[in-house]
Amino acid sequence: METDQIVRILAVDDHEMTTLGYKYILEDTAFKGFRVDLDTAKTFEEAKTKLEQSTRGLPYRILLLDIQLSQGESGPTKSGEELGILARKITPNTRIVFMSSFSDNYRINSVMQSVDPEGYMVKSEIDQPSLQAMVETVLESPPYYTQRALTAIRKRMANTIHLDENDKKILYCLSQGTKTKDMVEHISLSLPSIENRKRQIKALFGIEKQNDQALIAEARRRGFL
């Protein structure tokens, strides 16, 4: 990179103290050959507007996204995952890194499939050195993952059993304590279809005669949760 090159970063998180922390650390870091200019946004709509505006000037090189965003002034709540998908269309050359408190396999692997980000950092593992290392790695030779994110990805890659999105949603709902009869509110399947899917998943896992708690435990062991 050329000396004093500006690397623009957009950090999106509904907790302002979080993005200000990223800003103070990264703008104060003496990177070799470049300096960081970090912008912030708190909502999906605000971030979308800033991404669109950046295409008419100096684009963002990195987009830092939390998965869970608060609702803006109007419209339904949209997630950081949805914003990541949109960002791929608006600014396809921007590198995306998720900075989330979610460390479960379901969330991480969902993001990996839908957005294919250049990095994923679990918030409890973020400190000043890892934040600085992430920027350098993502710019030069991505991806960058913190340890818990990398563990989830490796566990999922090692699993040879294929489950479709509805199967994964059933497992996730179970892990969140949702009763089977209430899953029709979250999954586009009938109750008999959901019950049949549960039986099929148990058969795939080799626990046909066991209960839902055993199914959740086995799904976690195999990296689906």
C-alpha atoms as a PDB file:
ATOM      1  CA  MET A   1       0.000   0.000   0.000  1.00  0.00           C
ATOM      2  CA  GLU A   2       1.119   3.576  -0.589  1.00  0.00           C
ATOM      3  CA  THR A   3       2.263   5.654   2.380  1.00  0.00           C
ATOM      4  CA  ASP A   4      -0.555   7.512   4.152  1.00  0.00           C
ATOM      5  CA  GLN A   5      -3.235   5.719   2.145  1.00  0.00           C
ATOM      6  CA  ILE A   6      -6.631   6.124   3.807  1.00  0.00           C
ATOM      7  CA  VAL A   7      -8.549   2.927   4.563  1.00  0.00           C
ATOM      8  CA  ARG A   8     -12.217   3.743   5.138  1.00  0.00           C
ATOM      9  CA  ILE A   9     -14.121   1.422   7.478  1.00  0.00           C
ATOM     10  CA  LEU A  10     -17.827   1.421   8.332  1.00  0.00           C
ATOM     11  CA  ALA A  11     -18.726  -0.134  11.701  1.00  0.00           C
ATOM     12  CA  VAL A  12     -22.415  -0.981  12.219  1.00  0.00           C
ATOM     13  CA  ASP A  13     -23.652  -1.728  15.730  1.00  0.00           C
ATOM     14  CA  ASP A  14     -26.654  -0.437  17.704  1.00  0.00           C
ATOM     15  CA  HIS A  15     -24.408   0.070  20.744  1.00  0.00           C
ATOM     16  CA  GLU A  16     -22.597   3.354  20.107  1.00  0.00           C
ATOM     17  CA  MET A  17     -19.927   2.685  22.739  1.00  0.00           C
ATOM     18  CA  THR A  18     -18.897  -0.429  20.822  1.00  0.00           C
ATOM     19  CA  THR A  19     -18.323   1.349  17.517  1.00  0.00           C
ATOM     20  CA  LEU A  20     -16.613   4.282  19.272  1.00  0.00           C
ATOM     21  CA  GLY A  21     -14.237   1.783  20.864  1.00  0.00           C
ATOM     22  CA  TYR A  22     -13.360   0.381  17.433  1.00  0.00           C
ATOM     23  CA  LYS A  23     -12.910   3.935  16.134  1.00  0.00           C
ATOM     24  CA  TYR A  24     -10.573   5.116  18.893  1.00  0.00           C
ATOM     25  CA  ILE A  25      -8.406   1.991  18.698  1.00  0.00           C
ATOM     26  CA  LEU A  26      -8.083   1.762  14.922  1.00  0.00           C
ATOM     27  CA  GLU A  27      -7.732   5.467  14.144  1.00  0.00           C
ATOM     28  CA  ASP A  28      -5.026   5.710  16.825  1.00  0.00           C
ATOM     29  CA  THR A  29      -3.064   2.734  15.460  1.00  0.00           C
ATOM     30  CA  ALA A  30       0.107   3.425  13.455  1.00  0.00           C
ATOM     31  CA  PHE A  31      -0.444   0.901  10.659  1.00  0.00           C
ATOM     32  CA  LYS A  32       2.385   0.459   8.180  1.00  0.00           C
ATOM     33  CA  GLY A  33       1.613   2.347   4.963  1.00  0.00           C
ATOM     34  CA  PHE A  34      -1.963   3.426   5.750  1.00  0.00           C
ATOM     35  CA  ARG A  35      -4.227   5.013   8.300  1.00  0.00           C
ATOM     36  CA  VAL A  36      -7.818   4.192   9.211  1.00  0.00           C
ATOM     37  CA  ASP A  37     -10.802   6.502   8.883  1.00  0.00           C
ATOM     38  CA  LEU A  38     -13.700   4.776  10.660  1.00  0.00           C
ATOM     39  CA  ASP A  39     -17.321   5.791  10.185  1.00  0.00           C
ATOM     40  CA  THR A  40     -20.212   4.434  12.282  1.00  0.00           C
ATOM     41  CA  ALA A  41     -23.896   3.559  11.873  1.00  0.00           C
ATOM     42  CA  LYS A  42     -26.476   2.274  14.367  1.00  0.00           C
ATOM     43  CA  THR A  43     -29.256   0.959  12.105  1.00  0.00           C
ATOM     44  CA  PHE A  44     -29.746  -1.013   8.903  1.00  0.00           C
ATOM     45  CA  GLU A  45     -31.123   2.009   7.041  1.00  0.00           C
ATOM     46  CA  GLU A  46     -28.361   4.364   8.175  1.00  0.00           C
ATOM     47  CA  ALA A  47     -25.708   1.854   7.108  1.00  0.00           C
ATOM     48  CA  LYS A  48     -27.424   1.258   3.758  1.00  0.00           C
ATOM     49  CA  THR A  49     -27.464   4.994   3.036  1.00  0.00           C
ATOM     50  CA  LYS A  50     -23.772   5.355   3.903  1.00  0.00           C
ATOM     51  CA  LEU A  51     -22.824   2.378   1.734  1.00  0.00           C
ATOM     52  CA  GLU A  52     -24.745   3.829  -1.211  1.00  0.00           C
ATOM     53  CA  GLN A  53     -23.151   7.249  -0.717  1.00  0.00           C
ATOM     54  CA  SER A  54     -19.679   5.688  -0.581  1.00  0.00           C
ATOM     55  CA  THR A  55     -20.022   4.434  -4.156  1.00  0.00           C
ATOM     56  CA  ARG A  56     -19.951   8.065  -5.323  1.00  0.00           C
ATOM     57  CA  GLY A  57     -16.689   8.830  -3.543  1.00  0.00           C
ATOM     58  CA  LEU A  58     -14.046   6.874  -1.643  1.00  0.00           C
ATOM     59  CA  PRO A  59     -15.614   3.460  -0.949  1.00  0.00           C
ATOM     60  CA  TYR A  60     -15.363   1.591   2.325  1.00  0.00           C
ATOM     61  CA  ARG A  61     -12.622  -1.015   2.274  1.00  0.00           C
ATOM     62  CA  ILE A  62     -14.014  -2.906   5.292  1.00  0.00           C
ATOM     63  CA  LEU A  63     -17.522  -3.244   6.719  1.00  0.00           C
ATOM     64  CA  LEU A  64     -17.789  -4.331  10.373  1.00  0.00           C
ATOM     65  CA  LEU A  65     -21.212  -5.803  11.151  1.00  0.00           C
ATOM     66  CA  ASP A  66     -23.034  -6.921  14.248  1.00  0.00           C
ATOM     67  CA  ILE A  67     -25.636  -9.622  13.502  1.00  0.00           C
ATOM     68  CA  GLN A  68     -28.318  -8.198  15.789  1.00  0.00           C
ATOM     69  CA  LEU A  69     -29.409  -4.645  14.972  1.00  0.00           C
ATOM     70  CA  SER A  70     -32.125  -2.554  16.593  1.00  0.00           C
ATOM     71  CA  GLN A  71     -35.143  -1.417  14.597  1.00  0.00           C
ATOM     72  CA  GLY A  72     -34.923   1.932  12.836  1.00  0.00           C
ATOM     73  CA  GLU A  73     -37.620   4.593  12.742  1.00  0.00           C
ATOM     74  CA  SER A  74     -39.768   2.692  10.235  1.00  0.00           C
ATOM     75  CA  GLY A  75     -40.144  -0.743   8.710  1.00  0.00           C
ATOM     76  CA  PRO A  76     -39.383  -4.188  10.109  1.00  0.00           C
ATOM     77  CA  THR A  77     -36.202  -5.026  11.989  1.00  0.00           C
ATOM     78  CA  LYS A  78     -33.443  -6.251   9.696  1.00  0.00           C
ATOM     79  CA  SER A  79     -30.330  -8.113  10.760  1.00  0.00           C
ATOM     80  CA  GLY A  80     -26.665  -7.547  10.111  1.00  0.00           C
ATOM     81  CA  GLU A  81     -26.749 -10.727   8.052  1.00  0.00           C
ATOM     82  CA  GLU A  82     -29.324  -9.137   5.725  1.00  0.00           C
ATOM     83  CA  LEU A  83     -27.190  -5.999   5.566  1.00  0.00           C
ATOM     84  CA  GLY A  84     -24.174  -8.111   4.627  1.00  0.00           C
ATOM     85  CA  ILE A  85     -26.100  -9.690   1.749  1.00  0.00           C
ATOM     86  CA  LEU A  86     -27.167  -6.232   0.550  1.00  0.00           C
ATOM     87  CA  ALA A  87     -23.646  -4.827   0.904  1.00  0.00           C
ATOM     88  CA  ARG A  88     -22.350  -7.509  -1.479  1.00  0.00           C
ATOM     89  CA  LYS A  89     -24.601  -5.947  -4.129  1.00  0.00           C
ATOM     90  CA  ILE A  90     -24.003  -2.270  -3.323  1.00  0.00           C
ATOM     91  CA  THR A  91     -20.220  -2.383  -2.797  1.00  0.00           C
ATOM     92  CA  PRO A  92     -18.994  -5.818  -3.939  1.00  0.00           C
ATOM     93  CA  ASN A  93     -15.324  -4.989  -3.301  1.00  0.00           C
ATOM     94  CA  THR A  94     -15.880  -4.081   0.357  1.00  0.00           C
ATOM     95  CA  ARG A  95     -14.581  -6.743   2.710  1.00  0.00           C
ATOM     96  CA  ILE A  96     -17.050  -7.804   5.391  1.00  0.00           C
ATOM     97  CA  VAL A  97     -16.240  -8.846   8.951  1.00  0.00           C
ATOM     98  CA  PHE A  98     -18.906  -9.819  11.484  1.00  0.00           C
ATOM     99  CA  MET A  99     -18.318  -8.648  15.063  1.00  0.00           C
ATOM    100  CA  SER A 100     -20.958 -10.463  17.081  1.00  0.00           C
ATOM    101  CA  SER A 101     -21.673 -11.789  20.549  1.00  0.00           C
ATOM    102  CA  PHE A 102     -23.168 -14.878  18.865  1.00  0.00           C
ATOM    103  CA  SER A 103     -20.722 -17.779  19.032  1.00  0.00           C
ATOM    104  CA  ASP A 104     -23.080 -20.693  18.325  1.00  0.00           C
ATOM    105  CA  ASN A 105     -22.462 -22.836  15.263  1.00  0.00           C
ATOM    106  CA  TYR A 106     -25.916 -22.176  13.803  1.00  0.00           C
ATOM    107  CA  ARG A 107     -25.457 -18.404  13.625  1.00  0.00           C
ATOM    108  CA  ILE A 108     -21.856 -18.474  12.454  1.00  0.00           C
ATOM    109  CA  ASN A 109     -22.415 -21.048   9.741  1.00  0.00           C
ATOM    110  CA  SER A 110     -25.589 -19.305   8.575  1.00  0.00           C
ATOM    111  CA  VAL A 111     -23.553 -16.138   8.009  1.00  0.00           C
ATOM    112  CA  MET A 112     -20.801 -18.120   6.284  1.00  0.00           C
ATOM    113  CA  GLN A 113     -23.318 -19.522   3.828  1.00  0.00           C
ATOM    114  CA  SER A 114     -25.320 -16.376   3.115  1.00  0.00           C
ATOM    115  CA  VAL A 115     -22.615 -13.687   3.107  1.00  0.00           C
ATOM    116  CA  ASP A 116     -19.259 -15.533   2.913  1.00  0.00           C
ATOM    117  CA  PRO A 117     -17.532 -12.790   4.934  1.00  0.00           C
ATOM    118  CA  GLU A 118     -13.810 -12.107   5.045  1.00  0.00           C
ATOM    119  CA  GLY A 119     -13.857 -12.480   8.811  1.00  0.00           C
ATOM    120  CA  TYR A 120     -15.843 -13.282  11.956  1.00  0.00           C
ATOM    121  CA  MET A 121     -14.931 -12.112  15.447  1.00  0.00           C
ATOM    122  CA  VAL A 122     -16.765 -13.182  18.601  1.00  0.00           C
ATOM    123  CA  LYS A 123     -17.048 -10.036  20.729  1.00  0.00           C
ATOM    124  CA  SER A 124     -15.857 -11.698  23.928  1.00  0.00           C
ATOM    125  CA  GLU A 125     -12.574 -12.460  22.131  1.00  0.00           C
ATOM    126  CA  ILE A 126     -11.996  -8.964  20.726  1.00  0.00           C
ATOM    127  CA  ASP A 127      -9.166  -6.877  22.179  1.00  0.00           C
ATOM    128  CA  GLN A 128      -6.862  -4.203  20.809  1.00  0.00           C
ATOM    129  CA  PRO A 129      -4.242  -6.586  19.288  1.00  0.00           C
ATOM    130  CA  SER A 130      -6.873  -8.812  17.623  1.00  0.00           C
ATOM    131  CA  LEU A 131      -8.715  -5.782  16.227  1.00  0.00           C
ATOM    132  CA  GLN A 132      -5.528  -4.437  14.713  1.00  0.00           C
ATOM    133  CA  ALA A 133      -4.518  -7.858  13.369  1.00  0.00           C
ATOM    134  CA  MET A 134      -7.964  -8.295  11.813  1.00  0.00           C
ATOM    135  CA  VAL A 135      -7.651  -5.088   9.757  1.00  0.00           C
ATOM    136  CA  GLU A 136      -4.186  -5.996   8.470  1.00  0.00           C
ATOM    137  CA  THR A 137      -5.186  -9.585   7.656  1.00  0.00           C
ATOM    138  CA  VAL A 138      -8.483  -8.707   5.963  1.00  0.00           C
ATOM    139  CA  LEU A 139      -6.791  -6.097   3.774  1.00  0.00           C
ATOM    140  CA  GLU A 140      -3.849  -8.268   2.763  1.00  0.00           C
ATOM    141  CA  SER A 141      -4.786 -11.932   3.054  1.00  0.00           C
ATOM    142  CA  PRO A 142      -8.276 -12.750   4.406  1.00  0.00           C
ATOM    143  CA  PRO A 143     -10.012 -14.424   6.180  1.00  0.00           C
ATOM    144  CA  TYR A 144      -9.615 -13.565   9.847  1.00  0.00           C
ATOM    145  CA  TYR A 145     -11.447 -15.541  12.555  1.00  0.00           C
ATOM    146  CA  THR A 146     -11.234 -15.484  16.336  1.00  0.00           C
ATOM    147  CA  GLN A 147     -10.785 -18.872  17.983  1.00  0.00           C
ATOM    148  CA  ARG A 148     -14.420 -19.628  18.828  1.00  0.00           C
ATOM    149  CA  ALA A 149     -15.548 -18.721  15.324  1.00  0.00           C
ATOM    150  CA  LEU A 150     -12.836 -20.902  13.798  1.00  0.00           C
ATOM    151  CA  THR A 151     -13.842 -23.835  16.029  1.00  0.00           C
ATOM    152  CA  ALA A 152     -17.471 -23.582  14.855  1.00  0.00           C
ATOM    153  CA  ILE A 153     -16.440 -23.451  11.195  1.00  0.00           C
ATOM    154  CA  ARG A 154     -14.077 -26.415  11.477  1.00  0.00           C
ATOM    155  CA  LYS A 155     -16.637 -28.504  13.342  1.00  0.00           C
ATOM    156  CA  ARG A 156     -19.248 -27.856  10.657  1.00  0.00           C
ATOM    157  CA  MET A 157     -16.819 -28.637   7.819  1.00  0.00           C
ATOM    158  CA  ALA A 158     -15.987 -31.978   9.410  1.00  0.00           C
ATOM    159  CA  ASN A 159     -19.645 -33.053   9.448  1.00  0.00           C
ATOM    160  CA  THR A 160     -20.656 -35.222   6.486  1.00  0.00           C
ATOM    161  CA  ILE A 161     -24.409 -35.159   7.235  1.00  0.00           C
ATOM    162  CA  HIS A 162     -26.372 -32.721   5.072  1.00  0.00           C
ATOM    163  CA  LEU A 163     -29.351 -30.868   6.545  1.00  0.00           C
ATOM    164  CA  ASP A 164     -31.377 -28.319   4.582  1.00  0.00           C
ATOM    165  CA  GLU A 165     -32.365 -24.899   5.917  1.00  0.00           C
ATOM    166  CA  ASN A 166     -35.681 -26.097   7.384  1.00  0.00           C
ATOM    167  CA  ASP A 167     -33.898 -28.895   9.260  1.00  0.00           C
ATOM    168  CA  LYS A 168     -31.438 -26.373  10.699  1.00  0.00           C
ATOM    169  CA  LYS A 169     -34.256 -24.028  11.693  1.00  0.00           C
ATOM    170  CA  ILE A 170     -36.013 -26.865  13.518  1.00  0.00           C
ATOM    171  CA  LEU A 171     -32.848 -27.616  15.480  1.00  0.00           C
ATOM    172  CA  TYR A 172     -32.310 -23.957  16.252  1.00  0.00           C
ATOM    173  CA  CYS A 173     -35.903 -23.497  17.438  1.00  0.00           C
ATOM    174  CA  LEU A 174     -35.552 -26.534  19.692  1.00  0.00           C
ATOM    175  CA  SER A 175     -32.332 -25.142  21.145  1.00  0.00           C
ATOM    176  CA  GLN A 176     -34.163 -21.879  21.936  1.00  0.00           C
ATOM    177  CA  GLY A 177     -36.898 -23.723  23.824  1.00  0.00           C
ATOM    178  CA  THR A 178     -39.580 -23.377  21.139  1.00  0.00           C
ATOM    179  CA  LYS A 179     -42.236 -26.097  21.342  1.00  0.00           C
ATOM    180  CA  THR A 180     -42.779 -28.171  18.211  1.00  0.00           C
ATOM    181  CA  LYS A 181     -46.393 -26.983  17.856  1.00  0.00           C
ATOM    182  CA  ASP A 182     -45.200 -23.350  17.868  1.00  0.00           C
ATOM    183  CA  MET A 183     -42.545 -23.833  15.175  1.00  0.00           C
ATOM    184  CA  VAL A 184     -45.122 -23.260  12.426  1.00  0.00           C
ATOM    185  CA  GLU A 185     -44.836 -19.553  13.337  1.00  0.00           C
ATOM    186  CA  HIS A 186     -41.131 -19.580  12.438  1.00  0.00           C
ATOM    187  CA  ILE A 187     -40.834 -22.235   9.718  1.00  0.00           C
ATOM    188  CA  SER A 188     -42.782 -22.504   6.460  1.00  0.00           C
ATOM    189  CA  LEU A 189     -43.864 -26.094   7.100  1.00  0.00           C
ATOM    190  CA  SER A 190     -46.976 -27.739   8.503  1.00  0.00           C
ATOM    191  CA  LEU A 191     -46.894 -29.272  11.985  1.00  0.00           C
ATOM    192  CA  PRO A 192     -46.946 -32.883  10.605  1.00  0.00           C
ATOM    193  CA  SER A 193     -44.038 -31.988   8.287  1.00  0.00           C
ATOM    194  CA  ILE A 194     -42.029 -30.536  11.174  1.00  0.00           C
ATOM    195  CA  GLU A 195     -42.654 -33.632  13.305  1.00  0.00           C
ATOM    196  CA  ASN A 196     -41.622 -35.857  10.397  1.00  0.00           C
ATOM    197  CA  ARG A 197     -38.463 -33.818   9.879  1.00  0.00           C
ATOM    198  CA  LYS A 198     -37.561 -34.229  13.543  1.00  0.00           C
ATOM    199  CA  ARG A 199     -37.911 -38.014  13.222  1.00  0.00           C
ATOM    200  CA  GLN A 200     -35.722 -38.008  10.110  1.00  0.00           C
ATOM    201  CA  ILE A 201     -33.018 -35.931  11.771  1.00  0.00           C
ATOM    202  CA  LYS A 202     -32.989 -38.266  14.774  1.00  0.00           C
ATOM    203  CA  ALA A 203     -32.606 -41.199  12.395  1.00  0.00           C
ATOM    204  CA  LEU A 204     -29.691 -39.490  10.629  1.00  0.00           C
ATOM    205  CA  PHE A 205     -28.041 -38.860  14.000  1.00  0.00           C
ATOM    206  CA  GLY A 206     -28.662 -42.441  15.141  1.00  0.00           C
ATOM    207  CA  ILE A 207     -30.821 -41.467  18.125  1.00  0.00           C
ATOM    208  CA  GLU A 208     -34.269 -42.515  16.859  1.00  0.00           C
ATOM    209  CA  LYS A 209     -35.680 -43.453  20.260  1.00  0.00           C
ATOM    210  CA  GLN A 210     -34.338 -40.498  22.232  1.00  0.00           C
ATOM    211  CA  ASN A 211     -36.009 -37.214  23.213  1.00  0.00           C
ATOM    212  CA  ASP A 212     -35.585 -33.648  21.974  1.00  0.00           C
ATOM    213  CA  GLN A 213     -32.912 -32.841  24.558  1.00  0.00           C
ATOM    214  CA  ALA A 214     -30.804 -35.669  23.177  1.00  0.00           C
ATOM    215  CA  LEU A 215     -31.413 -34.297  19.676  1.00  0.00           C
ATOM    216  CA  ILE A 216     -30.212 -30.841  20.742  1.00  0.00           C
ATOM    217  CA  ALA A 217     -27.126 -32.313  22.410  1.00  0.00           C
ATOM    218  CA  GLU A 218     -26.261 -34.385  19.333  1.00  0.00           C
ATOM    219  CA  ALA A 219     -26.831 -31.397  17.005  1.00  0.00           C
ATOM    220  CA  ARG A 220     -24.395 -29.364  19.129  1.00  0.00           C
ATOM    221  CA  ARG A 221     -21.854 -32.170  19.107  1.00  0.00           C
ATOM    222  CA  ARG A 222     -22.040 -32.345  15.322  1.00  0.00           C
ATOM    223  CA  GLY A 223     -21.684 -28.593  14.860  1.00  0.00           C
ATOM    224  CA  PHE A 224     -25.226 -27.692  13.774  1.00  0.00           C
ATOM    225  CA  LEU A 225     -25.880 -25.539  16.861  1.00  0.00           C
END
